[in-house]
PDB file of all heavy atoms in Angstrom:
ATOM      1  N   ASP A   1      11.125  -6.441  22.814  1.00  0.00           N
ATOM      2  CA  ASP A   1      12.501  -6.274  23.454  1.00  0.00           C
ATOM      3  C   ASP A   1      13.319  -5.172  22.735  1.00  0.00           C
ATOM      4  O   ASP A   1      12.916  -4.693  21.716  1.00  0.00           O
ATOM      5  CB  ASP A   1      13.228  -7.702  23.436  1.00  0.00           C
ATOM      6  CG  ASP A   1      14.324  -7.819  24.636  1.00  0.00           C
ATOM      7  OD1 ASP A   1      14.675  -6.794  25.193  1.00  0.00           O
ATOM      8  OD2 ASP A   1      14.596  -8.929  24.949  1.00  0.00           O
ATOM      9  N   ASP A   2      14.419  -4.889  23.443  1.00  0.00           N
ATOM     10  CA  ASP A   2      15.399  -4.105  22.896  1.00  0.00           C
ATOM     11  C   ASP A   2      16.234  -4.704  21.800  1.00  0.00           C
ATOM     12  O   ASP A   2      16.660  -5.951  22.021  1.00  0.00           O
ATOM     13  CB  ASP A   2      16.280  -3.567  23.952  1.00  0.00           C
ATOM     14  CG  ASP A   2      17.208  -2.434  23.520  1.00  0.00           C
ATOM     15  OD1 ASP A   2      18.181  -2.723  22.749  1.00  0.00           O
ATOM     16  OD2 ASP A   2      16.997  -1.221  23.968  1.00  0.00           O
ATOM     17  N   PHE A   3      16.527  -4.169  20.710  1.00  0.00           N
ATOM     18  CA  PHE A   3      17.318  -4.787  19.593  1.00  0.00           C
ATOM     19  C   PHE A   3      18.717  -5.352  20.103  1.00  0.00           C
ATOM     20  O   PHE A   3      19.191  -6.285  19.523  1.00  0.00           O
ATOM     21  CB  PHE A   3      17.587  -3.833  18.485  1.00  0.00           C
ATOM     22  CG  PHE A   3      18.075  -4.377  17.224  1.00  0.00           C
ATOM     23  CD1 PHE A   3      17.252  -5.198  16.435  1.00  0.00           C
ATOM     24  CD2 PHE A   3      19.370  -4.239  16.738  1.00  0.00           C
ATOM     25  CE1 PHE A   3      17.755  -5.716  15.255  1.00  0.00           C
ATOM     26  CE2 PHE A   3      19.921  -4.818  15.731  1.00  0.00           C
ATOM     27  CZ  PHE A   3      18.978  -5.589  14.831  1.00  0.00           C
ATOM     28  N   ARG A   4      19.242  -4.777  21.171  1.00  0.00           N
ATOM     29  CA  ARG A   4      20.499  -5.239  21.632  1.00  0.00           C
ATOM     30  C   ARG A   4      20.413  -6.673  22.306  1.00  0.00           C
ATOM     31  O   ARG A   4      21.456  -7.326  22.281  1.00  0.00           O
ATOM     32  CB  ARG A   4      21.045  -4.341  22.687  1.00  0.00           C
ATOM     33  CG  ARG A   4      21.472  -2.986  22.030  1.00  0.00           C
ATOM     34  CD  ARG A   4      21.795  -1.909  23.100  1.00  0.00           C
ATOM     35  NE  ARG A   4      20.660  -1.526  23.653  1.00  0.00           N
ATOM     36  CZ  ARG A   4      20.462  -0.392  24.495  1.00  0.00           C
ATOM     37  NH1 ARG A   4      21.555   0.378  24.791  1.00  0.00           N
ATOM     38  NH2 ARG A   4      19.394  -0.021  25.071  1.00  0.00           N
ATOM     39  N   ASN A   5      19.259  -7.213  22.462  1.00  0.00           N
ATOM     40  CA  ASN A   5      18.996  -8.448  22.936  1.00  0.00           C
ATOM     41  C   ASN A   5      18.724  -9.546  21.853  1.00  0.00           C
ATOM     42  O   ASN A   5      18.225 -10.622  22.148  1.00  0.00           O
ATOM     43  CB  ASN A   5      17.899  -8.410  24.058  1.00  0.00           C
ATOM     44  CG  ASN A   5      18.275  -7.787  25.267  1.00  0.00           C
ATOM     45  OD1 ASN A   5      19.507  -7.883  25.707  1.00  0.00           O
ATOM     46  ND2 ASN A   5      17.454  -7.197  25.834  1.00  0.00           N
ATOM     47  N   LYS A   6      18.918  -9.136  20.608  1.00  0.00           N
ATOM     48  CA  LYS A   6      18.496  -9.961  19.451  1.00  0.00           C
ATOM     49  C   LYS A   6      19.101 -11.330  19.517  1.00  0.00           C
ATOM     50  O   LYS A   6      18.472 -12.351  19.054  1.00  0.00           O
ATOM     51  CB  LYS A   6      18.812  -9.252  18.211  1.00  0.00           C
ATOM     52  CG  LYS A   6      20.243  -8.995  17.907  1.00  0.00           C
ATOM     53  CD  LYS A   6      20.478  -8.345  16.645  1.00  0.00           C
ATOM     54  CE  LYS A   6      21.798  -8.250  16.249  1.00  0.00           C
ATOM     55  NZ  LYS A   6      22.979  -7.741  16.054  1.00  0.00           N
ATOM     56  N   ALA A   7      20.328 -11.476  20.082  1.00  0.00           N
ATOM     57  CA  ALA A   7      20.972 -12.750  19.978  1.00  0.00           C
ATOM     58  C   ALA A   7      20.239 -13.831  20.862  1.00  0.00           C
ATOM     59  O   ALA A   7      20.226 -15.047  20.438  1.00  0.00           O
ATOM     60  CB  ALA A   7      22.418 -12.673  20.631  1.00  0.00           C
ATOM     61  N   LEU A   8      19.458 -13.389  21.867  1.00  0.00           N
ATOM     62  CA  LEU A   8      18.730 -14.293  22.675  1.00  0.00           C
ATOM     63  C   LEU A   8      17.665 -15.000  21.781  1.00  0.00           C
ATOM     64  O   LEU A   8      17.282 -16.218  21.912  1.00  0.00           O
ATOM     65  CB  LEU A   8      17.955 -13.602  23.767  1.00  0.00           C
ATOM     66  CG  LEU A   8      18.789 -12.967  24.813  1.00  0.00           C
ATOM     67  CD1 LEU A   8      17.948 -12.023  25.703  1.00  0.00           C
ATOM     68  CD2 LEU A   8      19.559 -14.001  25.632  1.00  0.00           C
ATOM     69  N   PHE A   9      17.084 -14.229  20.831  1.00  0.00           N
ATOM     70  CA  PHE A   9      16.025 -14.711  20.018  1.00  0.00           C
ATOM     71  C   PHE A   9      16.450 -15.356  18.800  1.00  0.00           C
ATOM     72  O   PHE A   9      15.827 -16.367  18.241  1.00  0.00           O
ATOM     73  CB  PHE A   9      15.022 -13.620  19.628  1.00  0.00           C
ATOM     74  CG  PHE A   9      14.475 -12.972  20.907  1.00  0.00           C
ATOM     75  CD1 PHE A   9      15.121 -11.808  21.309  1.00  0.00           C
ATOM     76  CD2 PHE A   9      13.511 -13.514  21.682  1.00  0.00           C
ATOM     77  CE1 PHE A   9      14.626 -11.192  22.480  1.00  0.00           C
ATOM     78  CE2 PHE A   9      13.076 -13.023  22.764  1.00  0.00           C
ATOM     79  CZ  PHE A   9      13.661 -11.778  23.242  1.00  0.00           C
ATOM     80  N   ILE A  10      17.670 -15.116  18.333  1.00  0.00           N
ATOM     81  CA  ILE A  10      18.281 -15.829  17.189  1.00  0.00           C
ATOM     82  C   ILE A  10      18.626 -17.202  17.629  1.00  0.00           C
ATOM     83  O   ILE A  10      18.549 -18.151  16.886  1.00  0.00           O
ATOM     84  CB  ILE A  10      19.495 -15.071  16.548  1.00  0.00           C
ATOM     85  CG1 ILE A  10      19.108 -13.798  15.951  1.00  0.00           C
ATOM     86  CG2 ILE A  10      20.334 -15.953  15.678  1.00  0.00           C
ATOM     87  CD1 ILE A  10      20.285 -12.860  15.584  1.00  0.00           C
ATOM     88  N   ASN A  11      19.051 -17.317  18.877  1.00  0.00           N
ATOM     89  CA  ASN A  11      19.390 -18.612  19.493  1.00  0.00           C
ATOM     90  C   ASN A  11      18.078 -19.603  19.418  1.00  0.00           C
ATOM     91  O   ASN A  11      18.171 -20.873  19.291  1.00  0.00           O
ATOM     92  CB  ASN A  11      19.912 -18.620  20.854  1.00  0.00           C
ATOM     93  CG  ASN A  11      21.362 -18.073  20.796  1.00  0.00           C
ATOM     94  OD1 ASN A  11      22.019 -18.185  19.806  1.00  0.00           O
ATOM     95  ND2 ASN A  11      21.823 -17.472  21.940  1.00  0.00           N
ATOM     96  N   LYS A  12      16.923 -19.010  19.566  1.00  0.00           N
ATOM     97  CA  LYS A  12      15.700 -19.830  19.579  1.00  0.00           C
ATOM     98  C   LYS A  12      15.172 -19.965  18.155  1.00  0.00           C
ATOM     99  O   LYS A  12      14.672 -21.070  17.793  1.00  0.00           O
ATOM    100  CB  LYS A  12      14.712 -19.155  20.509  1.00  0.00           C
ATOM    101  CG  LYS A  12      13.430 -19.875  20.541  1.00  0.00           C
ATOM    102  CD  LYS A  12      13.466 -21.180  21.269  1.00  0.00           C
ATOM    103  CE  LYS A  12      12.055 -21.673  21.367  1.00  0.00           C
ATOM    104  NZ  LYS A  12      12.041 -23.098  21.524  1.00  0.00           N
ATOM    105  N   PHE A  13      15.229 -18.937  17.383  1.00  0.00           N
ATOM    106  CA  PHE A  13      14.631 -18.949  16.077  1.00  0.00           C
ATOM    107  C   PHE A  13      15.659 -18.491  15.116  1.00  0.00           C
ATOM    108  O   PHE A  13      15.894 -17.331  14.926  1.00  0.00           O
ATOM    109  CB  PHE A  13      13.362 -17.927  15.872  1.00  0.00           C
ATOM    110  CG  PHE A  13      12.326 -18.351  16.876  1.00  0.00           C
ATOM    111  CD1 PHE A  13      12.035 -17.456  17.961  1.00  0.00           C
ATOM    112  CD2 PHE A  13      11.498 -19.496  16.741  1.00  0.00           C
ATOM    113  CE1 PHE A  13      10.997 -17.694  18.843  1.00  0.00           C
ATOM    114  CE2 PHE A  13      10.392 -19.757  17.678  1.00  0.00           C
ATOM    115  CZ  PHE A  13      10.276 -18.901  18.698  1.00  0.00           C
ATOM    116  N   SER A  14      16.421 -19.452  14.503  1.00  0.00           N
ATOM    117  CA  SER A  14      17.599 -19.039  13.652  1.00  0.00           C
ATOM    118  C   SER A  14      17.122 -18.112  12.489  1.00  0.00           C
ATOM    119  O   SER A  14      18.011 -17.399  11.941  1.00  0.00           O
ATOM    120  CB  SER A  14      18.262 -20.326  13.140  1.00  0.00           C
ATOM    121  OG  SER A  14      17.436 -21.094  12.399  1.00  0.00           O
ATOM    122  N   ILE A  15      15.876 -18.220  11.905  1.00  0.00           N
ATOM    123  CA  ILE A  15      15.406 -17.434  10.901  1.00  0.00           C
ATOM    124  C   ILE A  15      15.495 -15.905  11.179  1.00  0.00           C
ATOM    125  O   ILE A  15      15.628 -15.183  10.180  1.00  0.00           O
ATOM    126  CB  ILE A  15      13.966 -17.887  10.450  1.00  0.00           C
ATOM    127  CG1 ILE A  15      13.571 -17.227   9.141  1.00  0.00           C
ATOM    128  CG2 ILE A  15      12.969 -17.545  11.618  1.00  0.00           C
ATOM    129  CD1 ILE A  15      14.355 -17.699   7.967  1.00  0.00           C
ATOM    130  N   LEU A  16      15.503 -15.664  12.335  1.00  0.00           N
ATOM    131  CA  LEU A  16      15.506 -14.203  12.775  1.00  0.00           C
ATOM    132  C   LEU A  16      16.850 -13.557  12.461  1.00  0.00           C
ATOM    133  O   LEU A  16      16.905 -12.240  12.321  1.00  0.00           O
ATOM    134  CB  LEU A  16      15.184 -14.052  14.270  1.00  0.00           C
ATOM    135  CG  LEU A  16      13.758 -14.286  14.628  1.00  0.00           C
ATOM    136  CD1 LEU A  16      13.567 -14.178  16.236  1.00  0.00           C
ATOM    137  CD2 LEU A  16      12.834 -13.392  13.962  1.00  0.00           C
ATOM    138  N   GLU A  17      17.891 -14.349  12.248  1.00  0.00           N
ATOM    139  CA  GLU A  17      19.274 -13.733  11.955  1.00  0.00           C
ATOM    140  C   GLU A  17      19.113 -12.866  10.794  1.00  0.00           C
ATOM    141  O   GLU A  17      19.642 -11.819  10.667  1.00  0.00           O
ATOM    142  CB  GLU A  17      20.349 -14.893  11.936  1.00  0.00           C
ATOM    143  CG  GLU A  17      21.727 -14.239  11.744  1.00  0.00           C
ATOM    144  CD  GLU A  17      22.814 -15.192  12.000  1.00  0.00           C
ATOM    145  OE1 GLU A  17      22.569 -16.368  12.112  1.00  0.00           O
ATOM    146  OE2 GLU A  17      23.996 -14.700  12.117  1.00  0.00           O
ATOM    147  N   LYS A  18      18.578 -13.587   9.656  1.00  0.00           N
ATOM    148  CA  LYS A  18      18.512 -12.747   8.488  1.00  0.00           C
ATOM    149  C   LYS A  18      17.591 -11.596   8.495  1.00  0.00           C
ATOM    150  O   LYS A  18      17.940 -10.505   7.931  1.00  0.00           O
ATOM    151  CB  LYS A  18      17.952 -13.698   7.330  1.00  0.00           C
ATOM    152  CG  LYS A  18      17.976 -13.144   5.940  1.00  0.00           C
ATOM    153  CD  LYS A  18      17.505 -14.051   4.906  1.00  0.00           C
ATOM    154  CE  LYS A  18      18.697 -14.899   4.459  1.00  0.00           C
ATOM    155  NZ  LYS A  18      18.241 -15.741   3.132  1.00  0.00           N
ATOM    156  N   ALA A  19      16.585 -11.743   9.254  1.00  0.00           N
ATOM    157  CA  ALA A  19      15.666 -10.612   9.470  1.00  0.00           C
ATOM    158  C   ALA A  19      16.241  -9.482  10.235  1.00  0.00           C
ATOM    159  O   ALA A  19      16.067  -8.243   9.824  1.00  0.00           O
ATOM    160  CB  ALA A  19      14.324 -11.080  10.218  1.00  0.00           C
ATOM    161  N   PHE A  20      17.009  -9.837  11.328  1.00  0.00           N
ATOM    162  CA  PHE A  20      17.738  -8.839  12.150  1.00  0.00           C
ATOM    163  C   PHE A  20      18.801  -8.200  11.266  1.00  0.00           C
ATOM    164  O   PHE A  20      19.042  -6.889  11.446  1.00  0.00           O
ATOM    165  CB  PHE A  20      18.197  -9.360  13.383  1.00  0.00           C
ATOM    166  CG  PHE A  20      17.203  -9.536  14.448  1.00  0.00           C
ATOM    167  CD1 PHE A  20      17.144 -10.632  15.234  1.00  0.00           C
ATOM    168  CD2 PHE A  20      16.234  -8.614  14.683  1.00  0.00           C
ATOM    169  CE1 PHE A  20      16.167 -10.958  16.172  1.00  0.00           C
ATOM    170  CE2 PHE A  20      15.232  -8.725  15.695  1.00  0.00           C
ATOM    171  CZ  PHE A  20      15.310  -9.978  16.474  1.00  0.00           C
ATOM    172  N   ASP A  21      19.488  -8.862  10.451  1.00  0.00           N
ATOM    173  CA  ASP A  21      20.509  -8.352   9.530  1.00  0.00           C
ATOM    174  C   ASP A  21      19.896  -7.288   8.698  1.00  0.00           C
ATOM    175  O   ASP A  21      20.442  -6.297   8.402  1.00  0.00           O
ATOM    176  CB  ASP A  21      21.151  -9.407   8.634  1.00  0.00           C
ATOM    177  CG  ASP A  21      22.118 -10.226   9.451  1.00  0.00           C
ATOM    178  OD1 ASP A  21      22.443  -9.885  10.656  1.00  0.00           O
ATOM    179  OD2 ASP A  21      22.629 -11.288   8.938  1.00  0.00           O
ATOM    180  N   PHE A  22      18.760  -7.582   8.111  1.00  0.00           N
ATOM    181  CA  PHE A  22      18.119  -6.603   7.255  1.00  0.00           C
ATOM    182  C   PHE A  22      17.642  -5.378   8.089  1.00  0.00           C
ATOM    183  O   PHE A  22      17.841  -4.188   7.548  1.00  0.00           O
ATOM    184  CB  PHE A  22      16.768  -7.114   6.597  1.00  0.00           C
ATOM    185  CG  PHE A  22      16.233  -6.141   5.553  1.00  0.00           C
ATOM    186  CD1 PHE A  22      16.636  -5.930   4.271  1.00  0.00           C
ATOM    187  CD2 PHE A  22      15.161  -5.215   6.033  1.00  0.00           C
ATOM    188  CE1 PHE A  22      16.169  -4.975   3.502  1.00  0.00           C
ATOM    189  CE2 PHE A  22      14.603  -4.310   5.249  1.00  0.00           C
ATOM    190  CZ  PHE A  22      15.175  -4.174   3.929  1.00  0.00           C
ATOM    191  N   VAL A  23      17.180  -5.543   9.255  1.00  0.00           N
ATOM    192  CA  VAL A  23      16.862  -4.450  10.110  1.00  0.00           C
ATOM    193  C   VAL A  23      17.995  -3.436  10.265  1.00  0.00           C
ATOM    194  O   VAL A  23      17.873  -2.199  10.301  1.00  0.00           O
ATOM    195  CB  VAL A  23      16.263  -4.892  11.591  1.00  0.00           C
ATOM    196  CG1 VAL A  23      16.244  -3.819  12.549  1.00  0.00           C
ATOM    197  CG2 VAL A  23      14.878  -5.501  11.285  1.00  0.00           C
ATOM    198  N   LEU A  24      19.198  -4.092  10.512  1.00  0.00           N
ATOM    199  CA  LEU A  24      20.411  -3.290  10.729  1.00  0.00           C
ATOM    200  C   LEU A  24      20.627  -2.311   9.463  1.00  0.00           C
ATOM    201  O   LEU A  24      20.896  -1.172   9.508  1.00  0.00           O
ATOM    202  CB  LEU A  24      21.537  -4.012  10.940  1.00  0.00           C
ATOM    203  CG  LEU A  24      21.834  -4.707  12.251  1.00  0.00           C
ATOM    204  CD1 LEU A  24      22.986  -5.553  12.336  1.00  0.00           C
ATOM    205  CD2 LEU A  24      22.009  -3.504  13.250  1.00  0.00           C
ATOM    206  N   LYS A  25      20.469  -2.895   8.280  1.00  0.00           N
ATOM    207  CA  LYS A  25      20.549  -2.129   7.031  1.00  0.00           C
ATOM    208  C   LYS A  25      19.528  -1.047   6.956  1.00  0.00           C
ATOM    209  O   LYS A  25      19.621   0.012   6.281  1.00  0.00           O
ATOM    210  CB  LYS A  25      20.533  -3.078   5.879  1.00  0.00           C
ATOM    211  CG  LYS A  25      21.656  -4.004   5.795  1.00  0.00           C
ATOM    212  CD  LYS A  25      21.486  -5.005   4.633  1.00  0.00           C
ATOM    213  CE  LYS A  25      22.455  -6.087   4.600  1.00  0.00           C
ATOM    214  NZ  LYS A  25      22.202  -7.166   3.734  1.00  0.00           N
ATOM    215  N   SER A  26      18.340  -1.350   7.574  1.00  0.00           N
ATOM    216  CA  SER A  26      17.220  -0.390   7.400  1.00  0.00           C
ATOM    217  C   SER A  26      17.296   0.869   8.197  1.00  0.00           C
ATOM    218  O   SER A  26      16.623   1.752   7.945  1.00  0.00           O
ATOM    219  CB  SER A  26      15.858  -1.131   7.688  1.00  0.00           C
ATOM    220  OG  SER A  26      15.777  -1.241   9.102  1.00  0.00           O
ATOM    221  N   CYS A  27      18.289   0.808   9.044  1.00  0.00           N
ATOM    222  CA  CYS A  27      18.298   1.974   9.889  1.00  0.00           C
ATOM    223  C   CYS A  27      18.743   3.282   9.167  1.00  0.00           C
ATOM    224  O   CYS A  27      18.520   4.388   9.746  1.00  0.00           O
ATOM    225  CB  CYS A  27      19.420   1.784  10.985  1.00  0.00           C
ATOM    226  SG  CYS A  27      18.917   0.478  12.179  1.00  0.00           S
ATOM    227  N   GLY A  28      19.151   3.209   7.976  1.00  0.00           N
ATOM    228  CA  GLY A  28      19.359   4.414   7.171  1.00  0.00           C
ATOM    229  C   GLY A  28      18.113   4.922   6.497  1.00  0.00           C
ATOM    230  O   GLY A  28      18.150   5.994   5.869  1.00  0.00           O
ATOM    231  N   PHE A  29      17.082   4.163   6.598  1.00  0.00           N
ATOM    232  CA  PHE A  29      15.746   4.622   5.857  1.00  0.00           C
ATOM    233  C   PHE A  29      14.976   5.589   6.628  1.00  0.00           C
ATOM    234  O   PHE A  29      13.843   5.535   6.865  1.00  0.00           O
ATOM    235  CB  PHE A  29      14.905   3.350   5.644  1.00  0.00           C
ATOM    236  CG  PHE A  29      15.474   2.279   4.901  1.00  0.00           C
ATOM    237  CD1 PHE A  29      15.077   0.985   5.093  1.00  0.00           C
ATOM    238  CD2 PHE A  29      16.592   2.500   3.978  1.00  0.00           C
ATOM    239  CE1 PHE A  29      15.649  -0.055   4.342  1.00  0.00           C
ATOM    240  CE2 PHE A  29      17.078   1.514   3.222  1.00  0.00           C
ATOM    241  CZ  PHE A  29      16.665   0.196   3.499  1.00  0.00           C
TER     242      PHE A  29
END
């Protein structure tokens, strides 16, 4: 999926919130 839809998956798998937060930080790499 597109990253903009991440909330749909966080609602199903709460562990993804921390993973997606790291992904946001990684955009500068």
